[in-house]
Amino acid sequence: MMRAYFICCLVCSSLALSAQGVDEDLLRIKQRLDSVVYFQANLQLETDISFVHMPVKRALMKFEKGKPVQFSSSDFVLLPKRGLDFSLRSLLEYPVVTLVRSTSLKNGYTVKEINVIPADKRADFTIATLWLNTSLRRVESAEISTSKDGTYVLQMHYLQAPDIFPDRVEVNFEIERIRIPLNFMGKGTQIDKEKLKSEGAKTGKIFMMLSNYQIRYTAR
């Protein structure tokens, strides 16, 4: 069963960022998301894994600043832990330094590509690449490399330009590296054990759909 912190959406993180060595646009995104004190949303989860057939899962997600995210569902299972952390909270839990790789235009907006490198040995990733929409102050996509759990690629899709949270998230990950237990995928899940045991690289995708957001911000 996945730990519930995966979806704090940056708002629940007390990020250990210092002004020195950290990209200013990343700090602006942090500041924007830190202004959220509460939200709730409906969450739907689908998977695309060759040897797994898992029915659509649904849950109600709630967050209050300073507290863990909570989920209400009769049958809701999440995988993998790292890939579903589209908030990137775990990247910014400890001090980091950043390096700007490039800037480009995407749909009329400036997108900055940066590397995030941990400056503390307690961090559990080796390097991450983020694509920041500097105009709208949000993360468009991320590639996170870890020493134990392989590499995850996250694509965020937003319904409207002003939105602070995505309405869809696509996660690509490496199956072998996350060592999936076969009994934690919830009711109605079927496993093709022959495909599971077959040789060759195995990858998977997870699709998250979020809707009916209710958000409260700090007083301005």
C-alpha atoms as a PDB file:
ATOM      1  CA  MET A   1       0.000   0.000   0.000  1.00  0.00           C
ATOM      2  CA  MET A   2       1.368   3.376  -0.944  1.00  0.00           C
ATOM      3  CA  ARG A   3       2.157   5.919   1.701  1.00  0.00           C
ATOM      4  CA  ALA A   4      -0.308   8.779   1.493  1.00  0.00           C
ATOM      5  CA  TYR A   5       2.161  11.624   1.283  1.00  0.00           C
ATOM      6  CA  PHE A   6       2.690  11.200  -2.482  1.00  0.00           C
ATOM      7  CA  ILE A   7       0.245  13.882  -3.508  1.00  0.00           C
ATOM      8  CA  CYS A   8       0.902  16.831  -1.224  1.00  0.00           C
ATOM      9  CA  CYS A   9       1.212  19.019  -4.314  1.00  0.00           C
ATOM     10  CA  LEU A  10       4.095  21.017  -2.882  1.00  0.00           C
ATOM     11  CA  VAL A  11       1.653  22.808  -0.571  1.00  0.00           C
ATOM     12  CA  CYS A  12       2.255  20.496   2.377  1.00  0.00           C
ATOM     13  CA  SER A  13       6.015  20.625   2.221  1.00  0.00           C
ATOM     14  CA  SER A  14       8.123  22.731   4.514  1.00  0.00           C
ATOM     15  CA  LEU A  15      10.784  22.801   1.867  1.00  0.00           C
ATOM     16  CA  ALA A  16      14.359  23.027   3.043  1.00  0.00           C
ATOM     17  CA  LEU A  17      15.357  25.402   0.264  1.00  0.00           C
ATOM     18  CA  SER A  18      17.861  28.151   0.823  1.00  0.00           C
ATOM     19  CA  ALA A  19      18.045  31.159  -1.475  1.00  0.00           C
ATOM     20  CA  GLN A  20      21.633  30.347  -2.374  1.00  0.00           C
ATOM     21  CA  GLY A  21      22.046  28.014  -5.330  1.00  0.00           C
ATOM     22  CA  VAL A  22      18.309  27.535  -5.980  1.00  0.00           C
ATOM     23  CA  ASP A  23      16.588  28.759  -9.120  1.00  0.00           C
ATOM     24  CA  GLU A  24      14.417  31.824  -8.506  1.00  0.00           C
ATOM     25  CA  ASP A  25      11.533  30.495 -10.600  1.00  0.00           C
ATOM     26  CA  LEU A  26      11.465  27.297  -8.540  1.00  0.00           C
ATOM     27  CA  LEU A  27      11.276  29.420  -5.405  1.00  0.00           C
ATOM     28  CA  ARG A  28       8.395  31.402  -6.945  1.00  0.00           C
ATOM     29  CA  ILE A  29       6.504  28.164  -7.597  1.00  0.00           C
ATOM     30  CA  LYS A  30       7.137  27.086  -4.012  1.00  0.00           C
ATOM     31  CA  GLN A  31       5.851  30.432  -2.730  1.00  0.00           C
ATOM     32  CA  ARG A  32       2.677  30.161  -4.795  1.00  0.00           C
ATOM     33  CA  LEU A  33       1.905  26.646  -3.632  1.00  0.00           C
ATOM     34  CA  ASP A  34       2.782  27.422  -0.023  1.00  0.00           C
ATOM     35  CA  SER A  35      -0.200  29.808  -0.072  1.00  0.00           C
ATOM     36  CA  VAL A  36      -2.609  26.843  -0.191  1.00  0.00           C
ATOM     37  CA  VAL A  37      -3.778  25.868   3.299  1.00  0.00           C
ATOM     38  CA  TYR A  38      -6.479  23.346   2.328  1.00  0.00           C
ATOM     39  CA  PHE A  39      -7.764  21.474  -0.681  1.00  0.00           C
ATOM     40  CA  GLN A  40      -9.828  18.459  -1.562  1.00  0.00           C
ATOM     41  CA  ALA A  41     -10.415  16.737  -4.898  1.00  0.00           C
ATOM     42  CA  ASN A  42     -11.869  13.602  -6.445  1.00  0.00           C
ATOM     43  CA  LEU A  43      -9.099  11.262  -7.628  1.00  0.00           C
ATOM     44  CA  GLN A  44      -9.335   8.533 -10.273  1.00  0.00           C
ATOM     45  CA  LEU A  45      -6.473   6.124 -10.979  1.00  0.00           C
ATOM     46  CA  GLU A  46      -5.867   3.911 -14.028  1.00  0.00           C
ATOM     47  CA  THR A  47      -2.845   1.780 -14.933  1.00  0.00           C
ATOM     48  CA  ASP A  48      -1.203   0.588 -18.150  1.00  0.00           C
ATOM     49  CA  ILE A  49       1.003  -2.383 -17.206  1.00  0.00           C
ATOM     50  CA  SER A  50       1.314  -5.316 -19.611  1.00  0.00           C
ATOM     51  CA  PHE A  51       0.850  -8.051 -16.992  1.00  0.00           C
ATOM     52  CA  VAL A  52      -1.691  -6.275 -14.777  1.00  0.00           C
ATOM     53  CA  HIS A  53      -5.385  -5.657 -15.320  1.00  0.00           C
ATOM     54  CA  MET A  54      -6.615  -3.361 -12.562  1.00  0.00           C
ATOM     55  CA  PRO A  55     -10.068  -1.764 -12.504  1.00  0.00           C
ATOM     56  CA  VAL A  56     -10.315   2.001 -12.210  1.00  0.00           C
ATOM     57  CA  LYS A  57      -9.797   3.150  -8.621  1.00  0.00           C
ATOM     58  CA  ARG A  58     -11.469   6.210  -7.108  1.00  0.00           C
ATOM     59  CA  ALA A  59     -11.019   8.169  -3.896  1.00  0.00           C
ATOM     60  CA  LEU A  60     -11.667  11.490  -2.208  1.00  0.00           C
ATOM     61  CA  MET A  61      -8.409  13.247  -1.359  1.00  0.00           C
ATOM     62  CA  LYS A  62      -8.113  15.899   1.348  1.00  0.00           C
ATOM     63  CA  PHE A  63      -5.175  18.021   2.462  1.00  0.00           C
ATOM     64  CA  GLU A  64      -4.765  20.466   5.339  1.00  0.00           C
ATOM     65  CA  LYS A  65      -1.470  22.299   5.666  1.00  0.00           C
ATOM     66  CA  GLY A  66       0.748  20.739   8.316  1.00  0.00           C
ATOM     67  CA  LYS A  67      -1.076  17.404   8.227  1.00  0.00           C
ATOM     68  CA  PRO A  68      -0.731  14.274   6.069  1.00  0.00           C
ATOM     69  CA  VAL A  69      -2.926  13.930   2.994  1.00  0.00           C
ATOM     70  CA  GLN A  70      -5.992  11.775   3.649  1.00  0.00           C
ATOM     71  CA  PHE A  71      -7.866   9.465   1.272  1.00  0.00           C
ATOM     72  CA  SER A  72     -11.403   8.133   1.621  1.00  0.00           C
ATOM     73  CA  SER A  73     -12.120   5.044  -0.498  1.00  0.00           C
ATOM     74  CA  SER A  74     -13.503   1.536  -0.135  1.00  0.00           C
ATOM     75  CA  ASP A  75     -10.810   0.056  -2.400  1.00  0.00           C
ATOM     76  CA  PHE A  76      -7.970   2.365  -3.351  1.00  0.00           C
ATOM     77  CA  VAL A  77      -4.402   1.232  -3.961  1.00  0.00           C
ATOM     78  CA  LEU A  78      -1.562   3.387  -5.246  1.00  0.00           C
ATOM     79  CA  LEU A  79       1.690   2.515  -6.989  1.00  0.00           C
ATOM     80  CA  PRO A  80       4.484   3.350  -7.163  1.00  0.00           C
ATOM     81  CA  LYS A  81       5.298   5.595  -4.229  1.00  0.00           C
ATOM     82  CA  ARG A  82       7.872   7.771  -5.953  1.00  0.00           C
ATOM     83  CA  GLY A  83       6.132   8.129  -9.285  1.00  0.00           C
ATOM     84  CA  LEU A  84       2.884   9.342  -7.795  1.00  0.00           C
ATOM     85  CA  ASP A  85       4.566  12.140  -5.905  1.00  0.00           C
ATOM     86  CA  PHE A  86       3.778  14.683  -8.598  1.00  0.00           C
ATOM     87  CA  SER A  87       4.080  17.317  -5.894  1.00  0.00           C
ATOM     88  CA  LEU A  88       7.883  16.805  -5.997  1.00  0.00           C
ATOM     89  CA  ARG A  89       7.878  17.253  -2.233  1.00  0.00           C
ATOM     90  CA  SER A  90      10.520  14.571  -1.770  1.00  0.00           C
ATOM     91  CA  LEU A  91      12.872  16.431  -4.114  1.00  0.00           C
ATOM     92  CA  LEU A  92      12.775  19.538  -1.986  1.00  0.00           C
ATOM     93  CA  GLU A  93      12.679  18.046   1.492  1.00  0.00           C
ATOM     94  CA  TYR A  94      16.396  18.721   1.960  1.00  0.00           C
ATOM     95  CA  PRO A  95      18.667  21.461   0.567  1.00  0.00           C
ATOM     96  CA  VAL A  96      19.313  21.352  -3.167  1.00  0.00           C
ATOM     97  CA  VAL A  97      21.200  23.269  -5.824  1.00  0.00           C
ATOM     98  CA  THR A  98      19.882  23.872  -9.329  1.00  0.00           C
ATOM     99  CA  LEU A  99      21.356  24.304 -12.776  1.00  0.00           C
ATOM    100  CA  VAL A 100      19.532  25.922 -15.700  1.00  0.00           C
ATOM    101  CA  ARG A 101      19.799  23.779 -18.837  1.00  0.00           C
ATOM    102  CA  SER A 102      17.673  25.659 -21.368  1.00  0.00           C
ATOM    103  CA  THR A 103      14.646  27.844 -21.977  1.00  0.00           C
ATOM    104  CA  SER A 104      12.069  27.457 -24.736  1.00  0.00           C
ATOM    105  CA  LEU A 105       8.568  28.484 -25.793  1.00  0.00           C
ATOM    106  CA  LYS A 106       5.677  26.055 -25.370  1.00  0.00           C
ATOM    107  CA  ASN A 107       2.141  27.088 -26.292  1.00  0.00           C
ATOM    108  CA  GLY A 108       3.166  30.711 -25.978  1.00  0.00           C
ATOM    109  CA  TYR A 109       4.714  30.342 -22.518  1.00  0.00           C
ATOM    110  CA  THR A 110       8.347  30.299 -21.455  1.00  0.00           C
ATOM    111  CA  VAL A 111       9.440  26.906 -20.123  1.00  0.00           C
ATOM    112  CA  LYS A 112      12.723  26.596 -18.248  1.00  0.00           C
ATOM    113  CA  GLU A 113      14.524  23.246 -17.966  1.00  0.00           C
ATOM    114  CA  ILE A 114      16.549  22.880 -14.774  1.00  0.00           C
ATOM    115  CA  ASN A 115      18.474  20.143 -13.008  1.00  0.00           C
ATOM    116  CA  VAL A 116      17.868  19.703  -9.288  1.00  0.00           C
ATOM    117  CA  ILE A 117      20.845  18.196  -7.455  1.00  0.00           C
ATOM    118  CA  PRO A 118      20.683  17.169  -3.784  1.00  0.00           C
ATOM    119  CA  ALA A 119      23.087  18.942  -1.464  1.00  0.00           C
ATOM    120  CA  ASP A 120      22.327  16.640   1.459  1.00  0.00           C
ATOM    121  CA  LYS A 121      23.112  12.918   1.646  1.00  0.00           C
ATOM    122  CA  ARG A 122      19.717  12.246   3.231  1.00  0.00           C
ATOM    123  CA  ALA A 123      17.969  12.928  -0.080  1.00  0.00           C
ATOM    124  CA  ASP A 124      16.721   9.745  -1.753  1.00  0.00           C
ATOM    125  CA  PHE A 125      17.208  10.830  -5.375  1.00  0.00           C
ATOM    126  CA  THR A 126      20.367  11.303  -7.415  1.00  0.00           C
ATOM    127  CA  ILE A 127      19.239  13.989  -9.878  1.00  0.00           C
ATOM    128  CA  ALA A 128      16.001  15.397 -11.238  1.00  0.00           C
ATOM    129  CA  THR A 129      15.115  17.447 -14.275  1.00  0.00           C
ATOM    130  CA  LEU A 130      12.167  19.824 -14.029  1.00  0.00           C
ATOM    131  CA  TRP A 131      10.416  21.790 -16.744  1.00  0.00           C
ATOM    132  CA  LEU A 132       9.024  24.970 -15.160  1.00  0.00           C
ATOM    133  CA  ASN A 133       6.393  27.203 -16.709  1.00  0.00           C
ATOM    134  CA  THR A 134       7.842  30.491 -15.519  1.00  0.00           C
ATOM    135  CA  SER A 135       4.848  32.566 -16.655  1.00  0.00           C
ATOM    136  CA  LEU A 136       2.185  30.480 -14.893  1.00  0.00           C
ATOM    137  CA  ARG A 137       4.418  29.465 -11.960  1.00  0.00           C
ATOM    138  CA  ARG A 138       3.939  25.712 -12.078  1.00  0.00           C
ATOM    139  CA  VAL A 139       5.766  22.495 -12.988  1.00  0.00           C
ATOM    140  CA  GLU A 140       4.926  21.083 -16.427  1.00  0.00           C
ATOM    141  CA  SER A 141       6.912  17.829 -16.239  1.00  0.00           C
ATOM    142  CA  ALA A 142       9.681  16.079 -14.331  1.00  0.00           C
ATOM    143  CA  GLU A 143      12.175  13.249 -14.666  1.00  0.00           C
ATOM    144  CA  ILE A 144      13.403  11.847 -11.358  1.00  0.00           C
ATOM    145  CA  SER A 145      16.328   9.429 -11.076  1.00  0.00           C
ATOM    146  CA  THR A 146      16.911   7.384  -7.935  1.00  0.00           C
ATOM    147  CA  SER A 147      19.565   4.863  -6.955  1.00  0.00           C
ATOM    148  CA  LYS A 148      17.090   2.233  -5.715  1.00  0.00           C
ATOM    149  CA  ASP A 149      13.826   2.763  -7.574  1.00  0.00           C
ATOM    150  CA  GLY A 150      14.929   3.624 -11.097  1.00  0.00           C
ATOM    151  CA  THR A 151      13.695   6.618 -13.088  1.00  0.00           C
ATOM    152  CA  TYR A 152      10.246   8.169 -13.141  1.00  0.00           C
ATOM    153  CA  VAL A 153       8.857  10.577 -15.733  1.00  0.00           C
ATOM    154  CA  LEU A 154       5.826  12.698 -14.838  1.00  0.00           C
ATOM    155  CA  GLN A 155       3.719  14.745 -17.246  1.00  0.00           C
ATOM    156  CA  MET A 156       1.281  17.247 -15.742  1.00  0.00           C
ATOM    157  CA  HIS A 157      -1.739  18.530 -17.682  1.00  0.00           C
ATOM    158  CA  TYR A 158      -3.709  21.565 -16.551  1.00  0.00           C
ATOM    159  CA  LEU A 159      -7.295  22.347 -17.483  1.00  0.00           C
ATOM    160  CA  GLN A 160      -6.916  26.144 -17.516  1.00  0.00           C
ATOM    161  CA  ALA A 161      -3.996  28.571 -17.571  1.00  0.00           C
ATOM    162  CA  PRO A 162      -4.509  29.924 -14.010  1.00  0.00           C
ATOM    163  CA  ASP A 163      -4.815  26.472 -12.391  1.00  0.00           C
ATOM    164  CA  ILE A 164      -2.375  25.745  -9.589  1.00  0.00           C
ATOM    165  CA  PHE A 165      -2.959  21.960  -9.621  1.00  0.00           C
ATOM    166  CA  PRO A 166      -3.134  19.575 -12.608  1.00  0.00           C
ATOM    167  CA  ASP A 167      -6.306  17.817 -13.676  1.00  0.00           C
ATOM    168  CA  ARG A 168      -4.328  14.913 -15.214  1.00  0.00           C
ATOM    169  CA  VAL A 169      -0.955  13.365 -14.376  1.00  0.00           C
ATOM    170  CA  GLU A 170       0.790  10.654 -16.402  1.00  0.00           C
ATOM    171  CA  VAL A 171       3.572   8.686 -14.696  1.00  0.00           C
ATOM    172  CA  ASN A 172       6.037   6.394 -16.509  1.00  0.00           C
ATOM    173  CA  PHE A 173       8.195   4.086 -14.385  1.00  0.00           C
ATOM    174  CA  GLU A 174      10.363   0.964 -14.412  1.00  0.00           C
ATOM    175  CA  ILE A 175       8.566  -2.131 -13.120  1.00  0.00           C
ATOM    176  CA  GLU A 176      11.553  -4.224 -11.976  1.00  0.00           C
ATOM    177  CA  ARG A 177      13.016  -1.475  -9.876  1.00  0.00           C
ATOM    178  CA  ILE A 178       9.955  -0.962  -7.685  1.00  0.00           C
ATOM    179  CA  ARG A 179       9.397  -4.669  -6.800  1.00  0.00           C
ATOM    180  CA  ILE A 180       5.595  -4.673  -6.903  1.00  0.00           C
ATOM    181  CA  PRO A 181       3.915  -7.018  -4.377  1.00  0.00           C
ATOM    182  CA  LEU A 182       1.179  -8.947  -6.198  1.00  0.00           C
ATOM    183  CA  ASN A 183      -1.356  -8.721  -3.396  1.00  0.00           C
ATOM    184  CA  PHE A 184      -1.633  -4.983  -2.884  1.00  0.00           C
ATOM    185  CA  MET A 185      -3.482  -3.871  -6.011  1.00  0.00           C
ATOM    186  CA  GLY A 186      -6.978  -4.089  -4.615  1.00  0.00           C
ATOM    187  CA  LYS A 187     -10.210  -5.823  -5.565  1.00  0.00           C
ATOM    188  CA  GLY A 188     -10.724  -7.105  -9.088  1.00  0.00           C
ATOM    189  CA  THR A 189      -7.056  -6.963 -10.100  1.00  0.00           C
ATOM    190  CA  GLN A 190      -5.742  -9.781 -12.297  1.00  0.00           C
ATOM    191  CA  ILE A 191      -2.053 -10.660 -12.738  1.00  0.00           C
ATOM    192  CA  ASP A 192      -0.645 -12.451 -15.802  1.00  0.00           C
ATOM    193  CA  LYS A 193       2.159 -14.322 -14.035  1.00  0.00           C
ATOM    194  CA  GLU A 194       3.662 -15.625 -17.282  1.00  0.00           C
ATOM    195  CA  LYS A 195       4.178 -12.087 -18.590  1.00  0.00           C
ATOM    196  CA  LEU A 196       5.440 -11.050 -15.192  1.00  0.00           C
ATOM    197  CA  LYS A 197       8.135 -13.731 -15.235  1.00  0.00           C
ATOM    198  CA  SER A 198       9.151 -13.132 -18.850  1.00  0.00           C
ATOM    199  CA  GLU A 199      12.541 -11.606 -19.578  1.00  0.00           C
ATOM    200  CA  GLY A 200      13.138  -8.111 -20.872  1.00  0.00           C
ATOM    201  CA  ALA A 201      12.598  -4.605 -19.599  1.00  0.00           C
ATOM    202  CA  LYS A 202       9.188  -3.896 -18.127  1.00  0.00           C
ATOM    203  CA  THR A 203       7.729  -0.451 -17.810  1.00  0.00           C
ATOM    204  CA  GLY A 204       4.395   0.838 -16.644  1.00  0.00           C
ATOM    205  CA  LYS A 205       2.185   3.891 -16.775  1.00  0.00           C
ATOM    206  CA  ILE A 206      -0.229   5.368 -14.294  1.00  0.00           C
ATOM    207  CA  PHE A 207      -2.889   7.913 -15.197  1.00  0.00           C
ATOM    208  CA  MET A 208      -4.373  10.098 -12.474  1.00  0.00           C
ATOM    209  CA  MET A 209      -7.419  12.279 -13.059  1.00  0.00           C
ATOM    210  CA  LEU A 210      -8.264  14.936 -10.475  1.00  0.00           C
ATOM    211  CA  SER A 211     -11.515  16.889 -10.433  1.00  0.00           C
ATOM    212  CA  ASN A 212     -13.834  19.039  -8.314  1.00  0.00           C
ATOM    213  CA  TYR A 213     -11.043  20.829  -6.503  1.00  0.00           C
ATOM    214  CA  GLN A 214     -11.962  22.888  -3.458  1.00  0.00           C
ATOM    215  CA  ILE A 215      -9.051  25.121  -2.454  1.00  0.00           C
ATOM    216  CA  ARG A 216      -8.488  27.605   0.366  1.00  0.00           C
ATOM    217  CA  TYR A 217      -5.584  30.048   0.386  1.00  0.00           C
ATOM    218  CA  THR A 218      -3.907  32.084   3.095  1.00  0.00           C
ATOM    219  CA  ALA A 219      -5.294  35.554   3.630  1.00  0.00           C
ATOM    220  CA  ARG A 220      -3.654  38.138   1.389  1.00  0.00           C
END
